[in-house]
Amino acid sequence: MIETVVALCMFMMPENKLIEHRIQTDYKTCLSMKRESMRNSSGGTDYRCGKVMAVIELNIDGSKSIKKIVKSKDEQEN
């Protein structure tokens, strides 16, 4: 199923390549997780929070995860 969710995305720099994404409950949680990730990072990665349209997968435990990002908020506005 496709949903719009808040996601914390991790990019490998300098290629700016998306390597991981996680659903967050809201922007506040996302920004908190971003700060924690940046503190624990050894560098070479960039973390960004944003609203994305994504293909969502339902896990066995009932939680949701992003299978594939279809569009970011910036792309949706254009």
C-alpha atoms as a PDB file:
ATOM      1  CA  MET A   1       0.000   0.000   0.000  1.00  0.00           C
ATOM      2  CA  ILE A   2       1.145   3.577  -0.618  1.00  0.00           C
ATOM      3  CA  GLU A   3       1.037   6.116   2.244  1.00  0.00           C
ATOM      4  CA  THR A   4       2.446   9.532   3.062  1.00  0.00           C
ATOM      5  CA  VAL A   5       4.672   9.226   6.138  1.00  0.00           C
ATOM      6  CA  VAL A   6       7.380  11.122   8.011  1.00  0.00           C
ATOM      7  CA  ALA A   7      10.712   9.425   7.370  1.00  0.00           C
ATOM      8  CA  LEU A   8      14.236   9.701   8.697  1.00  0.00           C
ATOM      9  CA  CYS A   9      16.524   9.124   5.728  1.00  0.00           C
ATOM     10  CA  MET A  10      20.248   8.418   5.825  1.00  0.00           C
ATOM     11  CA  PHE A  11      22.359   9.497   2.850  1.00  0.00           C
ATOM     12  CA  MET A  12      25.942   8.491   2.052  1.00  0.00           C
ATOM     13  CA  MET A  13      28.041  11.519   1.232  1.00  0.00           C
ATOM     14  CA  PRO A  14      29.453  12.929  -1.031  1.00  0.00           C
ATOM     15  CA  GLU A  15      27.385  10.873  -3.514  1.00  0.00           C
ATOM     16  CA  ASN A  16      24.169  11.908  -1.728  1.00  0.00           C
ATOM     17  CA  LYS A  17      22.975   8.298  -2.114  1.00  0.00           C
ATOM     18  CA  LEU A  18      19.978   7.175  -0.025  1.00  0.00           C
ATOM     19  CA  ILE A  19      21.023   4.104   1.927  1.00  0.00           C
ATOM     20  CA  GLU A  20      18.397   3.756   4.674  1.00  0.00           C
ATOM     21  CA  HIS A  21      14.953   5.068   5.640  1.00  0.00           C
ATOM     22  CA  ARG A  22      12.777   4.630   8.719  1.00  0.00           C
ATOM     23  CA  ILE A  23       9.184   5.648   9.442  1.00  0.00           C
ATOM     24  CA  GLN A  24       8.821   8.095  12.347  1.00  0.00           C
ATOM     25  CA  THR A  25       5.605   8.920  14.190  1.00  0.00           C
ATOM     26  CA  ASP A  26       5.993  12.697  13.723  1.00  0.00           C
ATOM     27  CA  TYR A  27       8.522  15.458  12.961  1.00  0.00           C
ATOM     28  CA  LYS A  28       9.438  15.919  16.636  1.00  0.00           C
ATOM     29  CA  THR A  29      10.439  12.263  16.956  1.00  0.00           C
ATOM     30  CA  CYS A  30      12.200  12.373  13.598  1.00  0.00           C
ATOM     31  CA  LEU A  31      14.301  15.395  14.577  1.00  0.00           C
ATOM     32  CA  SER A  32      15.178  13.785  17.907  1.00  0.00           C
ATOM     33  CA  MET A  33      16.310  10.585  16.161  1.00  0.00           C
ATOM     34  CA  LYS A  34      18.231  12.665  13.602  1.00  0.00           C
ATOM     35  CA  ARG A  35      20.176  14.459  16.370  1.00  0.00           C
ATOM     36  CA  GLU A  36      20.956  11.158  18.091  1.00  0.00           C
ATOM     37  CA  SER A  37      22.078   9.565  14.807  1.00  0.00           C
ATOM     38  CA  MET A  38      24.309  12.518  13.966  1.00  0.00           C
ATOM     39  CA  ARG A  39      25.972  12.357  17.420  1.00  0.00           C
ATOM     40  CA  ASN A  40      26.686   8.634  16.965  1.00  0.00           C
ATOM     41  CA  SER A  41      27.831   8.967  13.343  1.00  0.00           C
ATOM     42  CA  SER A  42      31.493   8.783  12.417  1.00  0.00           C
ATOM     43  CA  GLY A  43      30.921  11.187   9.506  1.00  0.00           C
ATOM     44  CA  GLY A  44      30.330  10.642   5.831  1.00  0.00           C
ATOM     45  CA  THR A  45      26.569  10.437   6.320  1.00  0.00           C
ATOM     46  CA  ASP A  46      23.777  12.987   6.245  1.00  0.00           C
ATOM     47  CA  TYR A  47      20.429  12.524   7.996  1.00  0.00           C
ATOM     48  CA  ARG A  48      17.222  14.233   6.851  1.00  0.00           C
ATOM     49  CA  CYS A  49      13.626  14.240   8.047  1.00  0.00           C
ATOM     50  CA  GLY A  50      10.813  14.685   5.578  1.00  0.00           C
ATOM     51  CA  LYS A  51       7.355  13.759   4.469  1.00  0.00           C
ATOM     52  CA  VAL A  52       7.470  11.114   1.732  1.00  0.00           C
ATOM     53  CA  MET A  53       5.040   9.055  -0.282  1.00  0.00           C
ATOM     54  CA  ALA A  54       6.193   5.468   0.129  1.00  0.00           C
ATOM     55  CA  VAL A  55       5.284   1.864  -0.498  1.00  0.00           C
ATOM     56  CA  ILE A  56       4.601   0.558   3.017  1.00  0.00           C
ATOM     57  CA  GLU A  57       5.074  -3.001   4.168  1.00  0.00           C
ATOM     58  CA  LEU A  58       3.236  -4.412   7.187  1.00  0.00           C
ATOM     59  CA  ASN A  59       5.569  -6.464   9.410  1.00  0.00           C
ATOM     60  CA  ILE A  60       4.617  -9.618  11.289  1.00  0.00           C
ATOM     61  CA  ASP A  61       4.501  -7.696  14.596  1.00  0.00           C
ATOM     62  CA  GLY A  62       2.025  -5.163  13.136  1.00  0.00           C
ATOM     63  CA  SER A  63       4.573  -2.375  12.690  1.00  0.00           C
ATOM     64  CA  LYS A  64       5.107  -0.661   9.347  1.00  0.00           C
ATOM     65  CA  SER A  65       8.276  -0.174   7.349  1.00  0.00           C
ATOM     66  CA  ILE A  66       9.167   1.621   4.136  1.00  0.00           C
ATOM     67  CA  LYS A  67       9.772  -0.723   1.248  1.00  0.00           C
ATOM     68  CA  LYS A  68      10.372   2.009  -1.346  1.00  0.00           C
ATOM     69  CA  ILE A  69      10.102   5.807  -1.459  1.00  0.00           C
ATOM     70  CA  VAL A  70       7.951   6.913  -4.380  1.00  0.00           C
ATOM     71  CA  LYS A  71       8.107  10.718  -3.933  1.00  0.00           C
ATOM     72  CA  SER A  72       9.498  13.202  -1.476  1.00  0.00           C
ATOM     73  CA  LYS A  73       7.487  16.213  -0.278  1.00  0.00           C
ATOM     74  CA  ASP A  74       9.512  18.496  -2.591  1.00  0.00           C
ATOM     75  CA  GLU A  75       8.664  16.336  -5.608  1.00  0.00           C
ATOM     76  CA  GLN A  76       4.969  16.217  -4.634  1.00  0.00           C
ATOM     77  CA  GLU A  77       4.708  20.029  -4.600  1.00  0.00           C
ATOM     78  CA  ASN A  78       6.067  20.433  -8.163  1.00  0.00           C
END
